[in-house]
Structures are given as structure tokens and as C-alpha cells.
Amino acid sequence: MCGAESSSNLSDGSLRNASKKNRFGKTLVKHCQTYYNANEVDLIWLNARTAAVGLYKKMDYQPLGEPFDIKDMGEHY
């Protein structure tokens, strides 16, 4: 889900199945980036499952901080 605020969180839950189909996940992230830029959002953060970090790195996002566990969802950054 894309939202227009001064900052926004594109939840990894939005991309849970998309990680299996990188093209869809990448398209969704790019769409949200375009939407956020058009709405002057100046910070985008993602809670990414460890398994999805590669997708985000290819899109110039980098992990920040230490991995943490979300109950019933697994390890995230």
C-alpha cells in the first residue's frame, strides 16, 4: 500500500509473495517510489525479511541496524 505522508513504510508484508516473483516486487517498489516522490515523501523505510534483502539491495536500499524477529513472520531488518 502506498501512502502520502512526509514519511512512509512500505511493509515487507506487501511483498511477501512478491519475493518469489522479483519482477512484481520490483515493480511494486518502483511504483511506490514514484508515488512518494510525487507526494513529496522524503523518507521511505522498509521492514524487510532477511530473505528479501537482496531484492532491496538491487534497488539501492541498504539494511540499517541489526536483524530483529517479528513473531510468526521471522527475521527482519
C-alpha atoms as a PDB file:
ATOM      1  CA  MET A   1       0.000   0.000   0.000  1.00  0.00           C
ATOM      2  CA  CYS A   2       1.344   3.410  -0.898  1.00  0.00           C
ATOM      3  CA  GLY A   3       0.545   6.320   1.351  1.00  0.00           C
ATOM      4  CA  ALA A   4       1.299  10.014   1.108  1.00  0.00           C
ATOM      5  CA  GLU A   5       2.861  11.286   4.312  1.00  0.00           C
ATOM      6  CA  SER A   6       6.144  13.040   4.954  1.00  0.00           C
ATOM      7  CA  SER A   7       7.480   9.550   5.638  1.00  0.00           C
ATOM      8  CA  SER A   8       6.033   6.184   4.787  1.00  0.00           C
ATOM      9  CA  ASN A   9       6.636   2.496   5.441  1.00  0.00           C
ATOM     10  CA  LEU A  10       6.241   0.061   2.581  1.00  0.00           C
ATOM     11  CA  SER A  11       5.710  -3.076   4.632  1.00  0.00           C
ATOM     12  CA  ASP A  12       7.542  -6.221   3.654  1.00  0.00           C
ATOM     13  CA  GLY A  13       4.210  -7.934   4.189  1.00  0.00           C
ATOM     14  CA  SER A  14       3.120  -6.205   0.988  1.00  0.00           C
ATOM     15  CA  LEU A  15       5.866  -8.061  -0.803  1.00  0.00           C
ATOM     16  CA  ARG A  16       5.715 -11.399   0.995  1.00  0.00           C
ATOM     17  CA  ASN A  17       4.728 -13.407  -2.075  1.00  0.00           C
ATOM     18  CA  ALA A  18       6.373 -10.919  -4.406  1.00  0.00           C
ATOM     19  CA  SER A  19       9.814 -12.034  -3.268  1.00  0.00           C
ATOM     20  CA  LYS A  20       9.115 -15.237  -5.157  1.00  0.00           C
ATOM     21  CA  LYS A  21       8.451 -13.166  -8.251  1.00  0.00           C
ATOM     22  CA  ASN A  22      11.087 -10.423  -8.156  1.00  0.00           C
ATOM     23  CA  ARG A  23       9.625  -8.666 -11.173  1.00  0.00           C
ATOM     24  CA  PHE A  24       6.369  -7.964  -9.326  1.00  0.00           C
ATOM     25  CA  GLY A  25       8.148  -6.940  -6.127  1.00  0.00           C
ATOM     26  CA  LYS A  26      10.471  -4.610  -8.009  1.00  0.00           C
ATOM     27  CA  THR A  27       7.547  -3.114  -9.953  1.00  0.00           C
ATOM     28  CA  LEU A  28       5.607  -2.516  -6.737  1.00  0.00           C
ATOM     29  CA  VAL A  29       8.552  -0.809  -5.024  1.00  0.00           C
ATOM     30  CA  LYS A  30       9.188   1.390  -8.083  1.00  0.00           C
ATOM     31  CA  HIS A  31       5.504   2.363  -8.242  1.00  0.00           C
ATOM     32  CA  CYS A  32       5.549   3.371  -4.586  1.00  0.00           C
ATOM     33  CA  GLN A  33       8.807   5.303  -5.042  1.00  0.00           C
ATOM     34  CA  THR A  34       7.205   7.263  -7.887  1.00  0.00           C
ATOM     35  CA  TYR A  35       4.076   7.895  -5.812  1.00  0.00           C
ATOM     36  CA  TYR A  36       6.101   9.001  -2.797  1.00  0.00           C
ATOM     37  CA  ASN A  37       8.287  11.316  -4.874  1.00  0.00           C
ATOM     38  CA  ALA A  38       5.213  12.925  -6.463  1.00  0.00           C
ATOM     39  CA  ASN A  39       3.771  13.486  -2.987  1.00  0.00           C
ATOM     40  CA  GLU A  40       6.987  14.904  -1.509  1.00  0.00           C
ATOM     41  CA  VAL A  41       7.628  11.982   0.825  1.00  0.00           C
ATOM     42  CA  ASP A  42      11.245  12.386   1.853  1.00  0.00           C
ATOM     43  CA  LEU A  43      11.794   9.131   3.737  1.00  0.00           C
ATOM     44  CA  ILE A  44      10.920   5.573   2.760  1.00  0.00           C
ATOM     45  CA  TRP A  45      11.703   2.714   5.102  1.00  0.00           C
ATOM     46  CA  LEU A  46      11.042  -0.972   4.777  1.00  0.00           C
ATOM     47  CA  ASN A  47      10.897  -3.776   7.288  1.00  0.00           C
ATOM     48  CA  ALA A  48      12.372  -6.481   5.101  1.00  0.00           C
ATOM     49  CA  ARG A  49      12.536 -10.164   5.804  1.00  0.00           C
ATOM     50  CA  THR A  50      16.129 -11.328   5.733  1.00  0.00           C
ATOM     51  CA  ALA A  51      15.321 -13.388   2.622  1.00  0.00           C
ATOM     52  CA  ALA A  52      14.132 -10.251   0.769  1.00  0.00           C
ATOM     53  CA  VAL A  53      17.194  -8.088   1.492  1.00  0.00           C
ATOM     54  CA  GLY A  54      18.756  -8.999  -1.871  1.00  0.00           C
ATOM     55  CA  LEU A  55      15.794  -7.534  -3.772  1.00  0.00           C
ATOM     56  CA  TYR A  56      16.035  -4.258  -1.876  1.00  0.00           C
ATOM     57  CA  LYS A  57      19.823  -4.063  -2.254  1.00  0.00           C
ATOM     58  CA  LYS A  58      19.417  -4.366  -6.030  1.00  0.00           C
ATOM     59  CA  MET A  59      17.172  -1.291  -5.757  1.00  0.00           C
ATOM     60  CA  ASP A  60      19.808   0.684  -3.791  1.00  0.00           C
ATOM     61  CA  TYR A  61      18.278   0.171  -0.330  1.00  0.00           C
ATOM     62  CA  GLN A  62      20.630  -0.935   2.437  1.00  0.00           C
ATOM     63  CA  PRO A  63      19.953  -2.681   5.759  1.00  0.00           C
ATOM     64  CA  LEU A  64      20.185  -0.406   8.771  1.00  0.00           C
ATOM     65  CA  GLY A  65      20.666  -1.728  12.272  1.00  0.00           C
ATOM     66  CA  GLU A  66      20.593  -5.286  13.489  1.00  0.00           C
ATOM     67  CA  PRO A  67      18.155  -8.000  12.402  1.00  0.00           C
ATOM     68  CA  PHE A  68      15.121  -8.455  14.657  1.00  0.00           C
ATOM     69  CA  ASP A  69      12.425 -11.084  14.932  1.00  0.00           C
ATOM     70  CA  ILE A  70       8.748 -10.424  14.219  1.00  0.00           C
ATOM     71  CA  LYS A  71       6.601 -13.108  15.823  1.00  0.00           C
ATOM     72  CA  ASP A  72       5.190 -15.581  13.288  1.00  0.00           C
ATOM     73  CA  MET A  73       6.949 -13.737  10.441  1.00  0.00           C
ATOM     74  CA  GLY A  74      10.647 -14.369  11.062  1.00  0.00           C
ATOM     75  CA  GLU A  75      13.822 -12.339  10.983  1.00  0.00           C
ATOM     76  CA  HIS A  76      13.670  -8.823   9.530  1.00  0.00           C
ATOM     77  CA  TYR A  77      15.854  -5.782   9.072  1.00  0.00           C
END
